[in-house]
Amino acid sequence: MQIKVNDTVQVLTGDDAGVKGRVLSVNRQTGKLVVEGVNRVYKHVRRSQRNPQGGRLSKEMPVQISNVLMVCTSCGKATRLGARFLADGSKERYCKKCGSSLGQVSPPHTSHASKK
C-alpha cells in the first residue's frame, strides 16, 4: 500500500468519480482511506451537551484504496505508483508516467545497496 496521509488522490469510481482530494487517514487492515470532500454522508445527531444544536452532521466515509489513483506532484496526472531501490539502498515511491520521485519509503539498507 503506497498511498500515505496528505497525498493528493483522484477518485476513479462511484458518485465522486473524477474528484481530487487530500488523504485524511489510511486504514491498512481494511484497505480503505478517507479523502477530504469525498463520499460525504449525513449523520443524524441528537441534541446533547456536546452538540446542543443537534441535526445533521456531514462527514466523510472511507473508500477502497483500489478506487483511487495518486496524483503526481510533478506532472499533475493521476498515475500508478512504483517502488524502487536507490544506489544507497533506500526505497522510494515514484511516478510510473514521468519517473519522478514521490518520497522515500524506507531508510538505506546495506543489503539493497548497489555494489561498486
PDB file of N, CA and C in Angstrom:
ATOM      1  N   MET A   1       0.847  -1.165   0.000  1.00  0.00           N
ATOM      2  CA  MET A   1       0.000   0.000   0.000  1.00  0.00           C
ATOM      3  C   MET A   1       0.899   1.237   0.000  1.00  0.00           C
ATOM      4  N   GLN A   2       0.853   1.994  -1.070  1.00  0.00           N
ATOM      5  CA  GLN A   2       1.811   3.069  -1.258  1.00  0.00           C
ATOM      6  C   GLN A   2       1.256   4.453  -0.959  1.00  0.00           C
ATOM      7  N   ILE A   3      -0.043   4.573  -0.762  1.00  0.00           N
ATOM      8  CA  ILE A   3      -0.634   5.891  -0.523  1.00  0.00           C
ATOM      9  C   ILE A   3      -0.545   6.228   0.958  1.00  0.00           C
ATOM     10  N   LYS A   4      -0.155   7.467   1.245  1.00  0.00           N
ATOM     11  CA  LYS A   4       0.030   7.911   2.619  1.00  0.00           C
ATOM     12  C   LYS A   4      -0.882   9.099   2.916  1.00  0.00           C
ATOM     13  N   VAL A   5      -0.917   9.500   4.186  1.00  0.00           N
ATOM     14  CA  VAL A   5      -1.689  10.663   4.607  1.00  0.00           C
ATOM     15  C   VAL A   5      -1.093  11.913   3.962  1.00  0.00           C
ATOM     16  N   ASN A   6      -1.941  12.856   3.585  1.00  0.00           N
ATOM     17  CA  ASN A   6      -1.604  14.131   2.942  1.00  0.00           C
ATOM     18  C   ASN A   6      -1.225  13.993   1.475  1.00  0.00           C
ATOM     19  N   ASP A   7      -1.335  12.810   0.875  1.00  0.00           N
ATOM     20  CA  ASP A   7      -1.167  12.670  -0.566  1.00  0.00           C
ATOM     21  C   ASP A   7      -2.428  13.174  -1.255  1.00  0.00           C
ATOM     22  N   THR A   8      -2.289  13.617  -2.490  1.00  0.00           N
ATOM     23  CA  THR A   8      -3.441  14.014  -3.288  1.00  0.00           C
ATOM     24  C   THR A   8      -3.817  12.847  -4.182  1.00  0.00           C
ATOM     25  N   VAL A   9      -5.106  12.465  -4.151  1.00  0.00           N
ATOM     26  CA  VAL A   9      -5.576  11.332  -4.940  1.00  0.00           C
ATOM     27  C   VAL A   9      -6.771  11.754  -5.780  1.00  0.00           C
ATOM     28  N   GLN A  10      -7.044  10.969  -6.826  1.00  0.00           N
ATOM     29  CA  GLN A  10      -8.204  11.182  -7.678  1.00  0.00           C
ATOM     30  C   GLN A  10      -9.091   9.954  -7.592  1.00  0.00           C
ATOM     31  N   VAL A  11     -10.394  10.159  -7.384  1.00  0.00           N
ATOM     32  CA  VAL A  11     -11.347   9.061  -7.260  1.00  0.00           C
ATOM     33  C   VAL A  11     -11.708   8.556  -8.655  1.00  0.00           C
ATOM     34  N   LEU A  12     -11.723   7.229  -8.828  1.00  0.00           N
ATOM     35  CA  LEU A  12     -11.983   6.625 -10.135  1.00  0.00           C
ATOM     36  C   LEU A  12     -13.437   6.225 -10.331  1.00  0.00           C
ATOM     37  N   THR A  13     -14.110   5.748  -9.283  1.00  0.00           N
ATOM     38  CA  THR A  13     -15.456   5.207  -9.427  1.00  0.00           C
ATOM     39  C   THR A  13     -16.400   5.800  -8.395  1.00  0.00           C
ATOM     40  N   GLY A  14     -17.671   5.570  -8.610  1.00  0.00           N
ATOM     41  CA  GLY A  14     -18.677   5.988  -7.648  1.00  0.00           C
ATOM     42  C   GLY A  14     -19.260   7.351  -7.976  1.00  0.00           C
ATOM     43  N   ASP A  15     -20.014   7.905  -7.030  1.00  0.00           N
ATOM     44  CA  ASP A  15     -20.665   9.196  -7.227  1.00  0.00           C
ATOM     45  C   ASP A  15     -19.657  10.333  -7.352  1.00  0.00           C
ATOM     46  N   ASP A  16     -18.499  10.192  -6.741  1.00  0.00           N
ATOM     47  CA  ASP A  16     -17.489  11.245  -6.737  1.00  0.00           C
ATOM     48  C   ASP A  16     -16.364  10.984  -7.732  1.00  0.00           C
ATOM     49  N   ALA A  17     -16.637  10.269  -8.813  1.00  0.00           N
ATOM     50  CA  ALA A  17     -15.604   9.943  -9.798  1.00  0.00           C
ATOM     51  C   ALA A  17     -15.042  11.220 -10.405  1.00  0.00           C
ATOM     52  N   GLY A  18     -13.704  11.280 -10.492  1.00  0.00           N
ATOM     53  CA  GLY A  18     -13.038  12.437 -11.073  1.00  0.00           C
ATOM     54  C   GLY A  18     -12.660  13.506 -10.073  1.00  0.00           C
ATOM     55  N   VAL A  19     -13.096  13.378  -8.843  1.00  0.00           N
ATOM     56  CA  VAL A  19     -12.813  14.389  -7.820  1.00  0.00           C
ATOM     57  C   VAL A  19     -11.418  14.155  -7.244  1.00  0.00           C
ATOM     58  N   LYS A  20     -10.663  15.244  -7.085  1.00  0.00           N
ATOM     59  CA  LYS A  20      -9.351  15.162  -6.446  1.00  0.00           C
ATOM     60  C   LYS A  20      -9.465  15.664  -5.020  1.00  0.00           C
ATOM     61  N   GLY A  21      -8.742  15.016  -4.119  1.00  0.00           N
ATOM     62  CA  GLY A  21      -8.779  15.417  -2.722  1.00  0.00           C
ATOM     63  C   GLY A  21      -7.562  14.933  -1.966  1.00  0.00           C
ATOM     64  N   ARG A  22      -7.401  15.444  -0.760  1.00  0.00           N
ATOM     65  CA  ARG A  22      -6.268  15.100   0.096  1.00  0.00           C
ATOM     66  C   ARG A  22      -6.659  13.946   1.010  1.00  0.00           C
ATOM     67  N   VAL A  23      -5.740  13.007   1.228  1.00  0.00           N
ATOM     68  CA  VAL A  23      -5.991  11.852   2.085  1.00  0.00           C
ATOM     69  C   VAL A  23      -5.897  12.292   3.543  1.00  0.00           C
ATOM     70  N   LEU A  24      -6.977  12.023   4.307  1.00  0.00           N
ATOM     71  CA  LEU A  24      -7.013  12.403   5.716  1.00  0.00           C
ATOM     72  C   LEU A  24      -6.538  11.284   6.625  1.00  0.00           C
ATOM     73  N   SER A  25      -6.899  10.025   6.302  1.00  0.00           N
ATOM     74  CA  SER A  25      -6.464   8.884   7.106  1.00  0.00           C
ATOM     75  C   SER A  25      -6.436   7.634   6.247  1.00  0.00           C
ATOM     76  N   VAL A  26      -5.601   6.680   6.645  1.00  0.00           N
ATOM     77  CA  VAL A  26      -5.449   5.411   5.929  1.00  0.00           C
ATOM     78  C   VAL A  26      -5.611   4.281   6.930  1.00  0.00           C
ATOM     79  N   ASN A  27      -6.466   3.308   6.608  1.00  0.00           N
ATOM     80  CA  ASN A  27      -6.634   2.107   7.428  1.00  0.00           C
ATOM     81  C   ASN A  27      -6.083   0.929   6.640  1.00  0.00           C
ATOM     82  N   ARG A  28      -4.925   0.449   7.017  1.00  0.00           N
ATOM     83  CA  ARG A  28      -4.251  -0.614   6.262  1.00  0.00           C
ATOM     84  C   ARG A  28      -4.906  -1.979   6.451  1.00  0.00           C
ATOM     85  N   GLN A  29      -5.556  -2.219   7.586  1.00  0.00           N
ATOM     86  CA  GLN A  29      -6.206  -3.512   7.824  1.00  0.00           C
ATOM     87  C   GLN A  29      -7.394  -3.713   6.885  1.00  0.00           C
ATOM     88  N   THR A  30      -8.211  -2.692   6.712  1.00  0.00           N
ATOM     89  CA  THR A  30      -9.400  -2.820   5.874  1.00  0.00           C
ATOM     90  C   THR A  30      -9.140  -2.414   4.430  1.00  0.00           C
ATOM     91  N   GLY A  31      -7.995  -1.767   4.150  1.00  0.00           N
ATOM     92  CA  GLY A  31      -7.685  -1.342   2.794  1.00  0.00           C
ATOM     93  C   GLY A  31      -8.511  -0.152   2.354  1.00  0.00           C
ATOM     94  N   LYS A  32      -8.824   0.747   3.300  1.00  0.00           N
ATOM     95  CA  LYS A  32      -9.647   1.903   2.985  1.00  0.00           C
ATOM     96  C   LYS A  32      -8.945   3.177   3.424  1.00  0.00           C
ATOM     97  N   LEU A  33      -9.377   4.293   2.823  1.00  0.00           N
ATOM     98  CA  LEU A  33      -8.847   5.591   3.212  1.00  0.00           C
ATOM     99  C   LEU A  33      -9.949   6.635   3.155  1.00  0.00           C
ATOM    100  N   VAL A  34      -9.757   7.703   3.915  1.00  0.00           N
ATOM    101  CA  VAL A  34     -10.722   8.798   3.957  1.00  0.00           C
ATOM    102  C   VAL A  34     -10.125   9.959   3.170  1.00  0.00           C
ATOM    103  N   VAL A  35     -10.874  10.443   2.176  1.00  0.00           N
ATOM    104  CA  VAL A  35     -10.428  11.537   1.321  1.00  0.00           C
ATOM    105  C   VAL A  35     -11.284  12.765   1.621  1.00  0.00           C
ATOM    106  N   GLU A  36     -10.631  13.907   1.683  1.00  0.00           N
ATOM    107  CA  GLU A  36     -11.303  15.156   2.018  1.00  0.00           C
ATOM    108  C   GLU A  36     -12.324  15.519   0.941  1.00  0.00           C
ATOM    109  N   GLY A  37     -13.599  15.677   1.345  1.00  0.00           N
ATOM    110  CA  GLY A  37     -14.662  16.086   0.438  1.00  0.00           C
ATOM    111  C   GLY A  37     -15.237  14.980  -0.423  1.00  0.00           C
ATOM    112  N   VAL A  38     -14.885  13.732  -0.175  1.00  0.00           N
ATOM    113  CA  VAL A  38     -15.347  12.603  -0.989  1.00  0.00           C
ATOM    114  C   VAL A  38     -16.162  11.652  -0.128  1.00  0.00           C
ATOM    115  N   ASN A  39     -17.229  11.090  -0.702  1.00  0.00           N
ATOM    116  CA  ASN A  39     -18.089  10.107  -0.038  1.00  0.00           C
ATOM    117  C   ASN A  39     -18.686  10.691   1.239  1.00  0.00           C
ATOM    118  N   ARG A  40     -19.263  11.884   1.120  1.00  0.00           N
ATOM    119  CA  ARG A  40     -19.863  12.558   2.272  1.00  0.00           C
ATOM    120  C   ARG A  40     -21.247  11.976   2.550  1.00  0.00           C
ATOM    121  N   VAL A  41     -21.529  11.769   3.832  1.00  0.00           N
ATOM    122  CA  VAL A  41     -22.832  11.279   4.273  1.00  0.00           C
ATOM    123  C   VAL A  41     -23.314  12.163   5.413  1.00  0.00           C
ATOM    124  N   TYR A  42     -24.623  12.093   5.689  1.00  0.00           N
ATOM    125  CA  TYR A  42     -25.197  12.829   6.806  1.00  0.00           C
ATOM    126  C   TYR A  42     -25.386  11.890   7.979  1.00  0.00           C
ATOM    127  N   LYS A  43     -24.892  12.305   9.136  1.00  0.00           N
ATOM    128  CA  LYS A  43     -25.101  11.559  10.362  1.00  0.00           C
ATOM    129  C   LYS A  43     -26.068  12.379  11.205  1.00  0.00           C
ATOM    130  N   HIS A  44     -27.183  11.793  11.563  1.00  0.00           N
ATOM    131  CA  HIS A  44     -28.188  12.491  12.357  1.00  0.00           C
ATOM    132  C   HIS A  44     -27.789  12.426  13.818  1.00  0.00           C
ATOM    133  N   VAL A  45     -27.683  13.594  14.435  1.00  0.00           N
ATOM    134  CA  VAL A  45     -27.176  13.690  15.801  1.00  0.00           C
ATOM    135  C   VAL A  45     -28.265  14.262  16.698  1.00  0.00           C
ATOM    136  N   ARG A  46     -28.497  13.589  17.817  1.00  0.00           N
ATOM    137  CA  ARG A  46     -29.462  14.050  18.804  1.00  0.00           C
ATOM    138  C   ARG A  46     -28.860  15.203  19.611  1.00  0.00           C
ATOM    139  N   ARG A  47     -29.694  16.072  20.126  1.00  0.00           N
ATOM    140  CA  ARG A  47     -29.215  17.167  20.957  1.00  0.00           C
ATOM    141  C   ARG A  47     -28.569  16.625  22.222  1.00  0.00           C
ATOM    142  N   SER A  48     -27.425  17.211  22.587  1.00  0.00           N
ATOM    143  CA  SER A  48     -26.739  16.815  23.816  1.00  0.00           C
ATOM    144  C   SER A  48     -25.894  17.997  24.282  1.00  0.00           C
ATOM    145  N   GLN A  49     -25.174  17.817  25.386  1.00  0.00           N
ATOM    146  CA  GLN A  49     -24.298  18.888  25.857  1.00  0.00           C
ATOM    147  C   GLN A  49     -23.150  19.123  24.888  1.00  0.00           C
ATOM    148  N   ARG A  50     -22.679  18.064  24.280  1.00  0.00           N
ATOM    149  CA  ARG A  50     -21.586  18.188  23.313  1.00  0.00           C
ATOM    150  C   ARG A  50     -22.073  18.866  22.037  1.00  0.00           C
ATOM    151  N   ASN A  51     -23.282  18.520  21.599  1.00  0.00           N
ATOM    152  CA  ASN A  51     -23.851  19.078  20.380  1.00  0.00           C
ATOM    153  C   ASN A  51     -25.217  19.680  20.717  1.00  0.00           C
ATOM    154  N   PRO A  52     -25.261  20.919  21.233  1.00  0.00           N
ATOM    155  CA  PRO A  52     -26.539  21.484  21.680  1.00  0.00           C
ATOM    156  C   PRO A  52     -27.523  21.765  20.544  1.00  0.00           C
ATOM    157  N   GLN A  53     -27.034  21.964  19.343  1.00  0.00           N
ATOM    158  CA  GLN A  53     -27.914  22.252  18.214  1.00  0.00           C
ATOM    159  C   GLN A  53     -28.614  20.990  17.715  1.00  0.00           C
ATOM    160  N   GLY A  54     -27.872  19.875  17.656  1.00  0.00           N
ATOM    161  CA  GLY A  54     -28.435  18.656  17.075  1.00  0.00           C
ATOM    162  C   GLY A  54     -28.507  18.785  15.569  1.00  0.00           C
ATOM    163  N   GLY A  55     -29.195  17.872  14.914  1.00  0.00           N
ATOM    164  CA  GLY A  55     -29.406  17.981  13.472  1.00  0.00           C
ATOM    165  C   GLY A  55     -28.559  17.015  12.671  1.00  0.00           C
ATOM    166  N   ARG A  56     -28.232  17.427  11.441  1.00  0.00           N
ATOM    167  CA  ARG A  56     -27.493  16.566  10.521  1.00  0.00           C
ATOM    168  C   ARG A  56     -26.047  17.016  10.440  1.00  0.00           C
ATOM    169  N   LEU A  57     -25.140  16.091  10.686  1.00  0.00           N
ATOM    170  CA  LEU A  57     -23.720  16.360  10.647  1.00  0.00           C
ATOM    171  C   LEU A  57     -23.154  15.711   9.384  1.00  0.00           C
ATOM    172  N   SER A  58     -22.469  16.454   8.530  1.00  0.00           N
ATOM    173  CA  SER A  58     -21.901  15.917   7.301  1.00  0.00           C
ATOM    174  C   SER A  58     -20.475  15.455   7.570  1.00  0.00           C
ATOM    175  N   LYS A  59     -20.155  14.230   7.167  1.00  0.00           N
ATOM    176  CA  LYS A  59     -18.811  13.698   7.398  1.00  0.00           C
ATOM    177  C   LYS A  59     -18.394  12.810   6.242  1.00  0.00           C
ATOM    178  N   GLU A  60     -17.082  12.630   6.090  1.00  0.00           N
ATOM    179  CA  GLU A  60     -16.547  11.769   5.040  1.00  0.00           C
ATOM    180  C   GLU A  60     -16.477  10.333   5.537  1.00  0.00           C
ATOM    181  N   MET A  61     -16.784   9.411   4.641  1.00  0.00           N
ATOM    182  CA  MET A  61     -16.679   7.986   4.941  1.00  0.00           C
ATOM    183  C   MET A  61     -15.546   7.383   4.114  1.00  0.00           C
ATOM    184  N   PRO A  62     -15.017   6.238   4.541  1.00  0.00           N
ATOM    185  CA  PRO A  62     -13.885   5.639   3.828  1.00  0.00           C
ATOM    186  C   PRO A  62     -14.264   5.112   2.445  1.00  0.00           C
ATOM    187  N   VAL A  63     -13.267   5.100   1.544  1.00  0.00           N
ATOM    188  CA  VAL A  63     -13.393   4.498   0.220  1.00  0.00           C
ATOM    189  C   VAL A  63     -12.269   3.476   0.052  1.00  0.00           C
ATOM    190  N   GLN A  64     -12.488   2.510  -0.819  1.00  0.00           N
ATOM    191  CA  GLN A  64     -11.466   1.488  -1.080  1.00  0.00           C
ATOM    192  C   GLN A  64     -10.249   2.115  -1.749  1.00  0.00           C
ATOM    193  N   ILE A  65      -9.070   1.629  -1.383  1.00  0.00           N
ATOM    194  CA  ILE A  65      -7.837   2.146  -1.974  1.00  0.00           C
ATOM    195  C   ILE A  65      -7.785   1.831  -3.466  1.00  0.00           C
ATOM    196  N   SER A  66      -8.419   0.732  -3.874  1.00  0.00           N
ATOM    197  CA  SER A  66      -8.400   0.366  -5.288  1.00  0.00           C
ATOM    198  C   SER A  66      -9.221   1.327  -6.135  1.00  0.00           C
ATOM    199  N   ASN A  67     -10.034   2.168  -5.530  1.00  0.00           N
ATOM    200  CA  ASN A  67     -10.879   3.105  -6.266  1.00  0.00           C
ATOM    201  C   ASN A  67     -10.263   4.492  -6.400  1.00  0.00           C
ATOM    202  N   VAL A  68      -9.000   4.658  -6.008  1.00  0.00           N
ATOM    203  CA  VAL A  68      -8.335   5.954  -6.135  1.00  0.00           C
ATOM    204  C   VAL A  68      -6.977   5.774  -6.805  1.00  0.00           C
ATOM    205  N   LEU A  69      -6.504   6.849  -7.445  1.00  0.00           N
ATOM    206  CA  LEU A  69      -5.167   6.898  -8.025  1.00  0.00           C
ATOM    207  C   LEU A  69      -4.433   8.104  -7.460  1.00  0.00           C
ATOM    208  N   MET A  70      -3.153   7.934  -7.228  1.00  0.00           N
ATOM    209  CA  MET A  70      -2.308   9.012  -6.738  1.00  0.00           C
ATOM    210  C   MET A  70      -2.115  10.052  -7.838  1.00  0.00           C
ATOM    211  N   VAL A  71      -2.151  11.334  -7.472  1.00  0.00           N
ATOM    212  CA  VAL A  71      -1.875  12.413  -8.418  1.00  0.00           C
ATOM    213  C   VAL A  71      -0.420  12.828  -8.218  1.00  0.00           C
ATOM    214  N   CYS A  72       0.368  12.735  -9.289  1.00  0.00           N
ATOM    215  CA  CYS A  72       1.800  13.058  -9.238  1.00  0.00           C
ATOM    216  C   CYS A  72       1.980  14.555  -9.004  1.00  0.00           C
ATOM    217  N   THR A  73       2.933  14.912  -8.158  1.00  0.00           N
ATOM    218  CA  THR A  73       3.175  16.318  -7.851  1.00  0.00           C
ATOM    219  C   THR A  73       3.911  17.027  -8.976  1.00  0.00           C
ATOM    220  N   SER A  74       4.688  16.303  -9.775  1.00  0.00           N
ATOM    221  CA  SER A  74       5.458  16.967 -10.822  1.00  0.00           C
ATOM    222  C   SER A  74       4.701  17.054 -12.145  1.00  0.00           C
ATOM    223  N   CYS A  75       4.063  15.959 -12.591  1.00  0.00           N
ATOM    224  CA  CYS A  75       3.359  16.008 -13.880  1.00  0.00           C
ATOM    225  C   CYS A  75       1.882  16.339 -13.722  1.00  0.00           C
ATOM    226  N   GLY A  76       1.317  16.219 -12.514  1.00  0.00           N
ATOM    227  CA  GLY A  76      -0.063  16.606 -12.263  1.00  0.00           C
ATOM    228  C   GLY A  76      -1.098  15.623 -12.765  1.00  0.00           C
ATOM    229  N   LYS A  77      -0.692  14.417 -13.177  1.00  0.00           N
ATOM    230  CA  LYS A  77      -1.615  13.423 -13.703  1.00  0.00           C
ATOM    231  C   LYS A  77      -1.849  12.324 -12.675  1.00  0.00           C
ATOM    232  N   ALA A  78      -3.017  11.689 -12.771  1.00  0.00           N
ATOM    233  CA  ALA A  78      -3.305  10.538 -11.916  1.00  0.00           C
ATOM    234  C   ALA A  78      -2.510   9.359 -12.443  1.00  0.00           C
ATOM    235  N   THR A  79      -1.764   8.699 -11.581  1.00  0.00           N
ATOM    236  CA  THR A  79      -0.850   7.654 -12.025  1.00  0.00           C
ATOM    237  C   THR A  79      -0.724   6.555 -10.980  1.00  0.00           C
ATOM    238  N   ARG A  80      -0.265   5.415 -11.447  1.00  0.00           N
ATOM    239  CA  ARG A  80       0.081   4.345 -10.519  1.00  0.00           C
ATOM    240  C   ARG A  80       1.444   4.648  -9.915  1.00  0.00           C
ATOM    241  N   LEU A  81       1.709   4.039  -8.773  1.00  0.00           N
ATOM    242  CA  LEU A  81       2.975   4.242  -8.091  1.00  0.00           C
ATOM    243  C   LEU A  81       3.826   2.997  -8.188  1.00  0.00           C
ATOM    244  N   GLY A  82       5.118   3.199  -8.245  1.00  0.00           N
ATOM    245  CA  GLY A  82       6.066   2.100  -8.211  1.00  0.00           C
ATOM    246  C   GLY A  82       7.013   2.301  -7.054  1.00  0.00           C
ATOM    247  N   ALA A  83       7.743   1.249  -6.720  1.00  0.00           N
ATOM    248  CA  ALA A  83       8.754   1.330  -5.671  1.00  0.00           C
ATOM    249  C   ALA A  83      10.073   0.852  -6.253  1.00  0.00           C
ATOM    250  N   ARG A  84      11.147   1.563  -5.943  1.00  0.00           N
ATOM    251  CA  ARG A  84      12.465   1.183  -6.444  1.00  0.00           C
ATOM    252  C   ARG A  84      13.513   1.468  -5.378  1.00  0.00           C
ATOM    253  N   PHE A  85      14.629   0.739  -5.501  1.00  0.00           N
ATOM    254  CA  PHE A  85      15.746   0.940  -4.592  1.00  0.00           C
ATOM    255  C   PHE A  85      16.745   1.888  -5.238  1.00  0.00           C
ATOM    256  N   LEU A  86      17.250   2.810  -4.458  1.00  0.00           N
ATOM    257  CA  LEU A  86      18.263   3.741  -4.939  1.00  0.00           C
ATOM    258  C   LEU A  86      19.646   3.144  -4.750  1.00  0.00           C
ATOM    259  N   ALA A  87      20.668   3.830  -5.198  1.00  0.00           N
ATOM    260  CA  ALA A  87      22.038   3.321  -5.120  1.00  0.00           C
ATOM    261  C   ALA A  87      22.496   3.117  -3.675  1.00  0.00           C
ATOM    262  N   ASP A  88      22.015   3.954  -2.750  1.00  0.00           N
ATOM    263  CA  ASP A  88      22.433   3.808  -1.351  1.00  0.00           C
ATOM    264  C   ASP A  88      21.634   2.755  -0.594  1.00  0.00           C
ATOM    265  N   GLY A  89      20.632   2.144  -1.234  1.00  0.00           N
ATOM    266  CA  GLY A  89      19.856   1.083  -0.609  1.00  0.00           C
ATOM    267  C   GLY A  89      18.542   1.540  -0.026  1.00  0.00           C
ATOM    268  N   SER A  90      18.214   2.816  -0.154  1.00  0.00           N
ATOM    269  CA  SER A  90      16.930   3.291   0.356  1.00  0.00           C
ATOM    270  C   SER A  90      15.844   3.048  -0.688  1.00  0.00           C
ATOM    271  N   LYS A  91      14.622   2.886  -0.218  1.00  0.00           N
ATOM    272  CA  LYS A  91      13.491   2.597  -1.081  1.00  0.00           C
ATOM    273  C   LYS A  91      12.651   3.852  -1.237  1.00  0.00           C
ATOM    274  N   GLU A  92      12.187   4.134  -2.479  1.00  0.00           N
ATOM    275  CA  GLU A  92      11.386   5.320  -2.726  1.00  0.00           C
ATOM    276  C   GLU A  92      10.186   4.996  -3.594  1.00  0.00           C
ATOM    277  N   ARG A  93       9.149   5.842  -3.491  1.00  0.00           N
ATOM    278  CA  ARG A  93       8.000   5.762  -4.387  1.00  0.00           C
ATOM    279  C   ARG A  93       8.307   6.607  -5.611  1.00  0.00           C
ATOM    280  N   TYR A  94       7.787   6.194  -6.784  1.00  0.00           N
ATOM    281  CA  TYR A  94       7.987   7.001  -7.980  1.00  0.00           C
ATOM    282  C   TYR A  94       6.763   6.926  -8.880  1.00  0.00           C
ATOM    283  N   CYS A  95       6.613   7.953  -9.712  1.00  0.00           N
ATOM    284  CA  CYS A  95       5.512   8.053 -10.664  1.00  0.00           C
ATOM    285  C   CYS A  95       5.796   7.152 -11.850  1.00  0.00           C
ATOM    286  N   LYS A  96       4.842   6.314 -12.235  1.00  0.00           N
ATOM    287  CA  LYS A  96       5.037   5.407 -13.361  1.00  0.00           C
ATOM    288  C   LYS A  96       4.970   6.137 -14.702  1.00  0.00           C
ATOM    289  N   LYS A  97       4.385   7.352 -14.744  1.00  0.00           N
ATOM    290  CA  LYS A  97       4.275   8.083 -16.008  1.00  0.00           C
ATOM    291  C   LYS A  97       5.517   8.918 -16.298  1.00  0.00           C
ATOM    292  N   CYS A  98       5.960   9.698 -15.318  1.00  0.00           N
ATOM    293  CA  CYS A  98       7.096  10.590 -15.583  1.00  0.00           C
ATOM    294  C   CYS A  98       8.388  10.125 -14.911  1.00  0.00           C
ATOM    295  N   GLY A  99       8.303   9.171 -13.992  1.00  0.00           N
ATOM    296  CA  GLY A  99       9.505   8.632 -13.360  1.00  0.00           C
ATOM    297  C   GLY A  99      10.059   9.461 -12.223  1.00  0.00           C
ATOM    298  N   SER A 100       9.379  10.517 -11.806  1.00  0.00           N
ATOM    299  CA  SER A 100       9.899  11.370 -10.737  1.00  0.00           C
ATOM    300  C   SER A 100       9.662  10.741  -9.370  1.00  0.00           C
ATOM    301  N   SER A 101      10.508  11.089  -8.434  1.00  0.00           N
ATOM    302  CA  SER A 101      10.428  10.561  -7.080  1.00  0.00           C
ATOM    303  C   SER A 101       9.284  11.211  -6.320  1.00  0.00           C
ATOM    304  N   LEU A 102       8.578  10.410  -5.499  1.00  0.00           N
ATOM    305  CA  LEU A 102       7.471  10.908  -4.689  1.00  0.00           C
ATOM    306  C   LEU A 102       7.719  10.700  -3.203  1.00  0.00           C
ATOM    307  N   GLY A 103       8.971  10.565  -2.824  1.00  0.00           N
ATOM    308  CA  GLY A 103       9.300  10.456  -1.411  1.00  0.00           C
ATOM    309  C   GLY A 103       9.901   9.121  -1.050  1.00  0.00           C
ATOM    310  N   GLN A 104      10.677   9.145   0.008  1.00  0.00           N
ATOM    311  CA  GLN A 104      11.356   7.951   0.487  1.00  0.00           C
ATOM    312  C   GLN A 104      10.423   7.125   1.348  1.00  0.00           C
ATOM    313  N   VAL A 105      10.501   5.786   1.187  1.00  0.00           N
ATOM    314  CA  VAL A 105       9.646   4.872   1.938  1.00  0.00           C
ATOM    315  C   VAL A 105      10.400   4.282   3.124  1.00  0.00           C
ATOM    316  N   SER A 106      11.657   3.886   2.913  1.00  0.00           N
ATOM    317  CA  SER A 106      12.427   3.276   3.992  1.00  0.00           C
ATOM    318  C   SER A 106      13.857   3.809   3.977  1.00  0.00           C
ATOM    319  N   PRO A 107      14.535   3.742   5.117  1.00  0.00           N
ATOM    320  CA  PRO A 107      15.906   4.219   5.189  1.00  0.00           C
ATOM    321  C   PRO A 107      16.857   3.272   4.438  1.00  0.00           C
ATOM    322  N   PRO A 108      18.096   3.704   4.216  1.00  0.00           N
ATOM    323  CA  PRO A 108      19.051   2.857   3.485  1.00  0.00           C
ATOM    324  C   PRO A 108      19.353   1.550   4.204  1.00  0.00           C
ATOM    325  N   HIS A 109      19.441   0.467   3.414  1.00  0.00           N
ATOM    326  CA  HIS A 109      19.854  -0.846   3.900  1.00  0.00           C
ATOM    327  C   HIS A 109      21.052  -1.293   3.073  1.00  0.00           C
ATOM    328  N   THR A 110      22.037  -1.845   3.740  1.00  0.00           N
ATOM    329  CA  THR A 110      23.242  -2.246   3.019  1.00  0.00           C
ATOM    330  C   THR A 110      22.976  -3.433   2.085  1.00  0.00           C
ATOM    331  N   SER A 111      21.971  -4.264   2.407  1.00  0.00           N
ATOM    332  CA  SER A 111      21.686  -5.431   1.567  1.00  0.00           C
ATOM    333  C   SER A 111      21.105  -5.028   0.223  1.00  0.00           C
ATOM    334  N   HIS A 112      20.477  -3.844   0.116  1.00  0.00           N
ATOM    335  CA  HIS A 112      19.896  -3.404  -1.145  1.00  0.00           C
ATOM    336  C   HIS A 112      20.749  -2.380  -1.873  1.00  0.00           C
ATOM    337  N   ALA A 113      21.863  -2.001  -1.288  1.00  0.00           N
ATOM    338  CA  ALA A 113      22.734  -1.009  -1.917  1.00  0.00           C
ATOM    339  C   ALA A 113      23.441  -1.639  -3.108  1.00  0.00           C
ATOM    340  N   SER A 114      23.672  -0.834  -4.150  1.00  0.00           N
ATOM    341  CA  SER A 114      24.377  -1.348  -5.321  1.00  0.00           C
ATOM    342  C   SER A 114      25.851  -1.522  -4.970  1.00  0.00           C
ATOM    343  N   LYS A 115      26.409  -2.631  -5.440  1.00  0.00           N
ATOM    344  CA  LYS A 115      27.797  -2.975  -5.094  1.00  0.00           C
ATOM    345  C   LYS A 115      28.726  -2.404  -6.163  1.00  0.00           C
ATOM    346  N   LYS A 116      29.658  -1.546  -5.711  1.00  0.00           N
ATOM    347  CA  LYS A 116      30.622  -0.957  -6.653  1.00  0.00           C
ATOM    348  C   LYS A 116      32.015  -1.176  -6.186  1.00  0.00           C
TER     349      LYS A 116
END
